[in-house]
Amino acid sequence: MHITDVQKFLKCPRLYQLSLKDEYKPFPYFNINIKTTDSLIKKLGIYNYYEGVPNENNEDTFDAFKRFEWLINARFVYRGLRIKIPFINKVKNGYDIYFSLLNLNPTNNDSNNISWCISVLKRLNISINNIYIIHLNPAYKREGELDDQQLWTITDSFYTPTGKQGQNIKEYIEENLFNVDASLDALLHFDSDDISYNRSSKCTSKNKCKYYDICFPEEKNLPTDSILKLVGSQHKYEMYEDGIKYLSQVDMLKIEGTKQQYAQVMASKLGGLYYDKLALNNWLTSNSKFPISFIDFEWDLYAIPPYDGMSPLEVLPFQYSIHVYQEDGQVSHYEYIGDGDCRKEFVANLLKDLPKSGT
């Protein structure tokens, strides 16, 4: 088992059960164009180290502790739960632990996996001296060869949402350790053939669970004005159980009153269509000077800046498509797709293809 397995189980046993059969591999959110471990080794100035391998047992890892001051990607197992620690350094009072994050300003919201790992290390009686995070330096801008020293920042504190120094990482983690044994007891002894599950806010909070339609297939065939289609609602299932089936019947005291909810309710009351006539008229009035150009961009997000002048986690646009509508109904189409460092060519073509006037 890995930490993600336990996290899924604690959120919902059904989620954990279905994920075991899922071979889907998530597509990376950003482009990683170098081997980050090699860059981090240079940042930390490590020369002599032991690097762990998949499925390694504790005996091999503890034996490496005796022979090396640095362990990279060290593996540990506790009651079947496997963890990997990016960097461990043997110091006088125990071990310094380093976690690497492709992040500009890690906050305590990034602490979940770290807390699990530290909870496991403590159960294996590993004495932890300090905990650090190595993260991307938001002030770095590439000029020439990649500078591994400037690319990364090492911190012993989380940051506040505004980027200022926050609480010490070790102190925060020790205040928020997980009860690993209780979690593993529940996971290792649950009966996969006797899972009872109910619809809850966990199913739809932030992003709807990918297995939602498997658990509740009947909702696929709901009418578009079903009360269960109400966006951002904490009480829609409660209303549904009370017999309120359609948006037009909504209990106004049980909705949050967002613009989207209001539009949904009004559309249901008006037979399917609702629009803000005044707002739409104002928008059209201020955006109706011909020619009207519609532009769509595509870009890649690079964790490590690949070209001069770029910073960590910066986007590089490489494609656009433009449709230009004239007042007489004529439509022109322009497009561009680049490769490599195409920034200057991209902008030059965009300026050439866009009309000099209009919207």
Protein backbone atom coordinates (compact mmCIF):
# COMPACT_ATOMS: atom_id res chain seq x y z
CA MET A 1 0.00 0.00 0.00
CA HIS A 2 0.97 3.61 -0.52
CA ILE A 3 -0.14 6.78 1.20
CA THR A 4 -2.61 7.55 -1.59
CA ASP A 5 -4.33 4.20 -0.93
CA VAL A 6 -4.88 5.06 2.74
CA GLN A 7 -6.03 8.57 1.87
CA LYS A 8 -8.59 7.21 -0.57
CA PHE A 9 -9.84 4.68 1.97
CA LEU A 10 -10.26 7.29 4.69
CA LYS A 11 -12.18 9.51 2.30
CA CYS A 12 -14.40 6.67 1.09
CA PRO A 13 -13.89 2.86 1.18
CA ARG A 14 -15.81 2.59 -2.08
CA LEU A 15 -13.38 5.05 -3.71
CA TYR A 16 -10.46 2.91 -2.51
CA GLN A 17 -12.08 -0.31 -3.74
CA LEU A 18 -12.82 1.04 -7.23
CA SER A 19 -9.37 2.63 -7.57
CA LEU A 20 -7.68 -0.78 -7.12
CA LYS A 21 -9.12 -1.87 -10.47
CA ASP A 22 -8.41 1.41 -12.25
CA GLU A 23 -5.41 1.36 -14.58
CA TYR A 24 -5.77 5.05 -15.52
CA LYS A 25 -2.59 7.08 -15.12
CA PRO A 26 -3.17 10.82 -14.62
CA PHE A 27 -1.63 13.11 -17.20
CA PRO A 28 1.04 15.38 -15.67
CA TYR A 29 -0.16 18.90 -14.97
CA PHE A 30 3.07 20.44 -16.18
CA ASN A 31 6.11 19.67 -18.30
CA ILE A 32 9.18 18.44 -16.41
CA ASN A 33 12.05 18.72 -18.87
CA ILE A 34 14.97 17.67 -16.63
CA LYS A 35 15.62 14.96 -14.05
CA THR A 36 14.84 16.93 -10.90
CA THR A 37 16.69 14.53 -8.58
CA ASP A 38 19.99 15.29 -10.33
CA SER A 39 19.37 19.03 -9.99
CA LEU A 40 18.48 18.69 -6.30
CA ILE A 41 21.65 16.66 -5.65
CA LYS A 42 23.65 19.59 -6.99
CA LYS A 43 21.68 22.04 -4.88
CA LEU A 44 22.36 20.07 -1.70
CA GLY A 45 26.01 19.45 -2.62
CA ILE A 46 25.72 15.67 -2.26
CA TYR A 47 28.57 13.53 -3.57
CA ASN A 48 28.46 10.23 -1.72
CA TYR A 49 25.00 8.78 -1.23
CA TYR A 50 22.81 5.70 -1.30
CA GLU A 51 19.78 5.67 -3.59
CA GLY A 52 16.86 3.44 -2.76
CA VAL A 53 15.10 1.21 -5.28
CA PRO A 54 11.42 0.21 -5.59
CA ASN A 55 10.14 -2.52 -3.24
CA GLU A 56 13.23 -2.28 -1.02
CA ASN A 57 12.82 -3.60 2.52
CA ASN A 58 13.65 -1.86 5.80
CA GLU A 59 16.75 -3.98 6.41
CA ASP A 60 18.45 -2.67 3.27
CA THR A 61 17.53 0.92 4.11
CA PHE A 62 18.75 0.70 7.72
CA ASP A 63 21.95 -0.95 6.53
CA ALA A 64 22.49 2.01 4.20
CA PHE A 65 22.14 4.32 7.22
CA LYS A 66 25.32 2.78 8.62
CA ARG A 67 27.35 3.34 5.47
CA PHE A 68 26.18 6.66 4.04
CA GLU A 69 25.47 10.16 5.33
CA TRP A 70 22.90 10.79 2.60
CA LEU A 71 20.03 8.57 1.46
CA ILE A 72 18.06 9.51 -1.65
CA ASN A 73 14.56 8.12 -2.34
CA ALA A 74 14.88 5.84 0.67
CA ARG A 75 12.07 3.31 1.03
CA PHE A 76 10.42 2.34 4.31
CA VAL A 77 7.63 -0.11 5.11
CA TYR A 78 5.35 -0.11 8.14
CA ARG A 79 2.59 -2.73 8.37
CA GLY A 80 2.45 -2.95 4.59
CA LEU A 81 2.39 0.81 4.06
CA ARG A 82 5.28 1.88 1.81
CA ILE A 83 6.71 5.40 1.80
CA LYS A 84 9.56 7.12 -0.04
CA ILE A 85 11.62 9.95 1.45
CA PRO A 86 13.36 12.16 -1.14
CA PHE A 87 16.45 13.07 0.93
CA ILE A 88 17.72 12.04 4.37
CA ASN A 89 20.91 13.43 5.89
CA LYS A 90 22.57 11.88 8.94
CA VAL A 91 23.44 14.62 11.46
CA LYS A 92 24.65 14.72 15.07
CA ASN A 93 21.22 14.62 16.69
CA GLY A 94 19.51 12.23 14.31
CA TYR A 95 18.39 12.84 10.73
CA ASP A 96 17.40 15.86 8.70
CA ILE A 97 14.54 15.09 6.32
CA TYR A 98 14.11 16.93 3.01
CA PHE A 99 10.94 16.85 0.95
CA SER A 100 10.95 18.26 -2.59
CA LEU A 101 7.93 20.08 -4.03
CA LEU A 102 7.44 21.52 -7.51
CA ASN A 103 5.85 24.51 -5.89
CA LEU A 104 6.74 28.19 -5.53
CA ASN A 105 5.51 28.91 -1.99
CA PRO A 106 4.47 25.74 -0.13
CA THR A 107 1.88 26.33 2.58
CA ASN A 108 0.60 24.04 5.31
CA ASN A 109 -1.98 22.86 2.76
CA ASP A 110 0.91 20.92 1.20
CA SER A 111 1.61 19.07 4.45
CA ASN A 112 -0.62 16.02 4.06
CA ASN A 113 1.88 13.60 2.50
CA ILE A 114 4.68 14.97 4.67
CA SER A 115 2.62 14.29 7.81
CA TRP A 116 1.99 10.71 6.73
CA CYS A 117 5.67 10.10 6.01
CA ILE A 118 6.82 11.57 9.33
CA SER A 119 4.16 9.58 11.19
CA VAL A 120 5.57 6.38 9.67
CA LEU A 121 9.20 7.32 10.40
CA LYS A 122 8.34 7.96 14.03
CA ARG A 123 6.78 4.51 14.33
CA LEU A 124 10.02 3.09 12.94
CA ASN A 125 11.88 4.93 15.75
CA ILE A 126 13.83 7.19 13.40
CA SER A 127 15.04 10.26 15.29
CA ILE A 128 14.13 13.37 13.29
CA ASN A 129 16.27 16.45 13.87
CA ASN A 130 14.65 18.86 11.39
CA ILE A 131 12.31 18.85 8.40
CA TYR A 132 12.94 20.92 5.28
CA ILE A 133 11.16 21.53 2.00
CA ILE A 134 13.11 22.20 -1.20
CA HIS A 135 10.92 24.14 -3.62
CA LEU A 136 11.22 26.16 -6.81
CA ASN A 137 12.51 29.69 -6.37
CA PRO A 138 9.88 32.18 -7.68
CA ALA A 139 12.57 34.89 -8.10
CA TYR A 140 14.79 32.80 -10.39
CA LYS A 141 14.98 33.72 -14.07
CA ARG A 142 17.03 31.60 -16.40
CA GLU A 143 19.93 33.21 -18.24
CA GLY A 144 22.16 30.72 -20.07
CA GLU A 145 22.86 27.37 -18.38
CA LEU A 146 20.43 26.23 -15.70
CA ASP A 147 21.67 27.39 -12.27
CA ASP A 148 20.76 24.59 -9.84
CA GLN A 149 21.71 26.72 -6.83
CA GLN A 150 19.38 29.58 -7.77
CA LEU A 151 16.62 27.36 -9.13
CA TRP A 152 15.74 25.88 -5.73
CA THR A 153 15.04 27.31 -2.27
CA ILE A 154 15.36 25.39 1.01
CA THR A 155 13.03 26.34 3.84
CA ASP A 156 12.26 25.02 7.33
CA SER A 157 8.98 26.96 7.43
CA PHE A 158 5.77 26.95 5.47
CA TYR A 159 4.68 30.17 3.78
CA THR A 160 1.52 32.16 4.33
CA PRO A 161 -0.85 32.61 1.34
CA THR A 162 0.80 36.00 0.74
CA GLY A 163 4.26 34.42 0.52
CA LYS A 164 5.57 35.44 3.94
CA GLN A 165 7.31 33.07 6.36
CA GLY A 166 4.80 31.01 8.33
CA GLN A 167 4.93 28.23 10.90
CA ASN A 168 7.98 25.99 11.32
CA ILE A 169 7.46 22.78 9.31
CA LYS A 170 8.55 20.37 12.05
CA GLU A 171 6.38 22.06 14.67
CA TYR A 172 3.34 22.06 12.39
CA ILE A 173 3.82 18.43 11.35
CA GLU A 174 4.23 17.22 14.94
CA GLU A 175 0.98 18.99 15.81
CA ASN A 176 -0.77 17.25 12.91
CA LEU A 177 0.56 13.68 12.90
CA PHE A 178 -1.76 10.93 11.69
CA ASN A 179 -2.88 7.93 13.71
CA VAL A 180 -1.29 5.50 11.29
CA ASP A 181 -2.15 2.36 13.27
CA ALA A 182 -5.84 3.17 13.57
CA SER A 183 -6.04 3.97 9.84
CA LEU A 184 -4.23 0.77 8.87
CA ASP A 185 -6.37 -1.31 11.24
CA ALA A 186 -9.49 -0.03 9.50
CA LEU A 187 -8.07 -0.56 6.03
CA LEU A 188 -6.60 -4.01 6.61
CA HIS A 189 -9.74 -5.39 8.22
CA PHE A 190 -12.53 -3.90 6.14
CA ASP A 191 -14.80 -6.27 4.21
CA SER A 192 -14.77 -5.28 0.52
CA ASP A 193 -17.96 -7.32 -0.03
CA ASP A 194 -19.87 -5.38 2.62
CA ILE A 195 -19.34 -1.74 1.73
CA SER A 196 -22.25 0.54 2.47
CA TYR A 197 -21.97 3.95 0.89
CA ASN A 198 -24.17 6.98 0.86
CA ARG A 199 -24.10 10.12 -1.20
CA SER A 200 -22.37 12.93 0.69
CA SER A 201 -20.53 16.19 0.14
CA LYS A 202 -17.32 14.16 -0.23
CA CYS A 203 -18.69 12.82 -3.49
CA THR A 204 -18.96 16.22 -5.11
CA SER A 205 -16.71 18.59 -3.13
CA LYS A 206 -14.23 20.51 -5.31
CA ASN A 207 -14.31 18.04 -8.21
CA LYS A 208 -16.96 15.35 -8.51
CA CYS A 209 -15.55 11.89 -7.75
CA LYS A 210 -14.51 10.10 -10.95
CA TYR A 211 -16.55 7.06 -9.86
CA TYR A 212 -19.70 9.03 -9.02
CA ASP A 213 -21.67 7.68 -12.00
CA ILE A 214 -20.71 4.12 -11.05
CA CYS A 215 -22.03 4.54 -7.51
CA PHE A 216 -25.16 6.47 -8.51
CA PRO A 217 -25.99 5.43 -12.10
CA GLU A 218 -29.61 6.50 -11.72
CA GLU A 219 -28.56 10.15 -11.77
CA LYS A 220 -27.36 9.86 -15.36
CA ASN A 221 -30.95 9.92 -16.54
CA LEU A 222 -32.15 12.79 -14.38
CA PRO A 223 -33.89 15.68 -16.18
CA THR A 224 -31.73 18.78 -16.69
CA ASP A 225 -33.90 20.76 -14.25
CA SER A 226 -33.55 18.21 -11.44
CA ILE A 227 -32.82 19.74 -8.05
CA LEU A 228 -29.72 17.50 -7.98
CA LYS A 229 -28.28 19.59 -10.84
CA LEU A 230 -28.11 22.68 -8.60
CA VAL A 231 -24.47 23.79 -8.57
CA GLY A 232 -22.59 24.55 -5.35
CA SER A 233 -25.47 23.45 -3.12
CA GLN A 234 -24.99 21.89 0.31
CA HIS A 235 -28.68 21.09 0.74
CA LYS A 236 -29.82 19.74 -2.63
CA TYR A 237 -29.91 16.11 -1.43
CA GLU A 238 -31.80 17.16 1.67
CA MET A 239 -34.35 18.96 -0.52
CA TYR A 240 -34.54 15.94 -2.82
CA GLU A 241 -35.35 13.66 0.14
CA ASP A 242 -38.03 16.17 1.21
CA GLY A 243 -39.78 15.72 -2.12
CA ILE A 244 -38.40 18.74 -3.98
CA LYS A 245 -37.51 17.22 -7.34
CA TYR A 246 -37.15 20.22 -9.67
CA LEU A 247 -35.24 23.49 -9.63
CA SER A 248 -38.49 25.44 -10.00
CA GLN A 249 -39.59 24.06 -6.60
CA VAL A 250 -36.39 25.02 -4.77
CA ASP A 251 -36.59 26.08 -1.12
CA MET A 252 -35.10 29.58 -1.31
CA LEU A 253 -34.04 29.36 2.35
CA LYS A 254 -31.80 26.40 1.54
CA ILE A 255 -29.72 27.78 -1.31
CA GLU A 256 -26.54 29.81 -1.16
CA GLY A 257 -27.88 32.37 -3.61
CA THR A 258 -25.08 32.45 -6.16
CA LYS A 259 -25.56 33.91 -9.64
CA GLN A 260 -25.37 30.44 -11.17
CA GLN A 261 -28.01 29.06 -8.81
CA TYR A 262 -30.32 32.01 -9.49
CA ALA A 263 -29.97 31.53 -13.24
CA GLN A 264 -30.71 27.79 -12.92
CA VAL A 265 -33.81 28.36 -10.81
CA MET A 266 -35.13 31.13 -13.06
CA ALA A 267 -34.51 29.04 -16.19
CA SER A 268 -36.54 26.22 -14.66
CA LYS A 269 -39.37 28.60 -13.74
CA LEU A 270 -39.36 30.17 -17.22
CA GLY A 271 -39.47 26.94 -19.21
CA GLY A 272 -35.75 26.43 -19.82
CA LEU A 273 -34.28 29.84 -20.68
CA TYR A 274 -33.04 32.68 -18.50
CA TYR A 275 -30.65 35.48 -19.33
CA ASP A 276 -29.78 38.87 -17.88
CA LYS A 277 -31.06 41.10 -20.68
CA LEU A 278 -29.55 44.33 -19.35
CA ALA A 279 -26.11 42.81 -18.71
CA LEU A 280 -26.09 41.08 -22.09
CA ASN A 281 -27.11 44.28 -23.87
CA ASN A 282 -24.34 46.25 -22.10
CA TRP A 283 -21.79 43.60 -23.03
CA LEU A 284 -22.84 43.53 -26.69
CA THR A 285 -22.81 47.33 -26.87
CA SER A 286 -19.24 47.52 -25.58
CA ASN A 287 -18.00 44.55 -27.64
CA SER A 288 -19.57 44.96 -31.03
CA LYS A 289 -17.10 47.05 -33.03
CA PHE A 290 -16.25 45.18 -36.24
CA PRO A 291 -14.18 43.30 -37.14
CA ILE A 292 -14.67 40.98 -34.17
CA SER A 293 -11.78 38.55 -33.52
CA PHE A 294 -12.13 35.32 -31.57
CA ILE A 295 -8.78 33.95 -30.32
CA ASP A 296 -7.95 30.57 -28.77
CA PHE A 297 -4.50 29.80 -27.32
CA GLU A 298 -2.69 26.62 -26.35
CA TRP A 299 0.34 26.62 -24.07
CA ASP A 300 2.65 24.36 -22.09
CA LEU A 301 3.47 24.88 -18.42
CA TYR A 302 7.12 24.22 -17.53
CA ALA A 303 8.14 23.42 -13.96
CA ILE A 304 11.79 24.09 -14.83
CA PRO A 305 12.39 27.08 -17.16
CA PRO A 306 13.74 25.66 -20.45
CA TYR A 307 14.70 28.96 -22.13
CA ASP A 308 16.32 32.27 -21.24
CA GLY A 309 14.08 34.82 -19.61
CA MET A 310 11.67 32.21 -18.21
CA SER A 311 10.99 31.51 -14.53
CA PRO A 312 9.82 28.31 -12.77
CA LEU A 313 6.22 27.28 -13.47
CA GLU A 314 5.88 29.73 -16.35
CA VAL A 315 3.73 29.09 -19.40
CA LEU A 316 4.99 29.09 -22.97
CA PRO A 317 2.24 29.70 -25.58
CA PHE A 318 2.92 27.82 -28.80
CA GLN A 319 -0.35 27.83 -30.77
CA TYR A 320 -3.24 30.10 -31.60
CA SER A 321 -6.32 30.08 -33.79
CA ILE A 322 -8.11 33.30 -34.82
CA HIS A 323 -11.49 33.75 -36.50
CA VAL A 324 -12.17 37.31 -37.69
CA TYR A 325 -15.79 38.25 -38.40
CA GLN A 326 -16.52 41.25 -40.67
CA GLU A 327 -19.74 43.24 -40.48
CA ASP A 328 -20.85 41.90 -43.89
CA GLY A 329 -20.65 38.31 -42.58
CA GLN A 330 -17.30 37.40 -44.12
CA VAL A 331 -15.07 35.22 -41.90
CA SER A 332 -11.28 34.87 -42.08
CA HIS A 333 -9.23 32.26 -40.23
CA TYR A 334 -5.57 32.48 -39.17
CA GLU A 335 -3.50 29.98 -37.23
CA TYR A 336 -0.01 29.40 -35.92
CA ILE A 337 1.78 26.50 -34.25
CA GLY A 338 5.38 26.69 -33.11
CA ASP A 339 8.05 24.37 -31.80
CA GLY A 340 10.77 24.92 -29.20
CA ASP A 341 11.39 28.49 -28.10
CA CYS A 342 8.87 30.10 -30.44
CA ARG A 343 7.95 33.09 -28.28
CA LYS A 344 9.22 35.84 -30.57
CA GLU A 345 7.84 34.18 -33.70
CA PHE A 346 4.53 33.59 -31.91
CA VAL A 347 4.13 37.28 -31.03
CA ALA A 348 5.25 38.47 -34.47
CA ASN A 349 2.69 36.27 -36.21
CA LEU A 350 -0.04 37.22 -33.75
CA LEU A 351 0.52 40.93 -34.43
CA LYS A 352 0.47 40.27 -38.16
CA ASP A 353 -2.74 38.21 -38.12
CA LEU A 354 -4.81 40.38 -35.75
CA PRO A 355 -6.77 43.25 -37.34
CA LYS A 356 -5.50 46.74 -36.44
CA SER A 357 -8.96 47.74 -35.19
CA GLY A 358 -12.19 46.22 -33.97
CA THR A 359 -13.00 44.05 -30.98
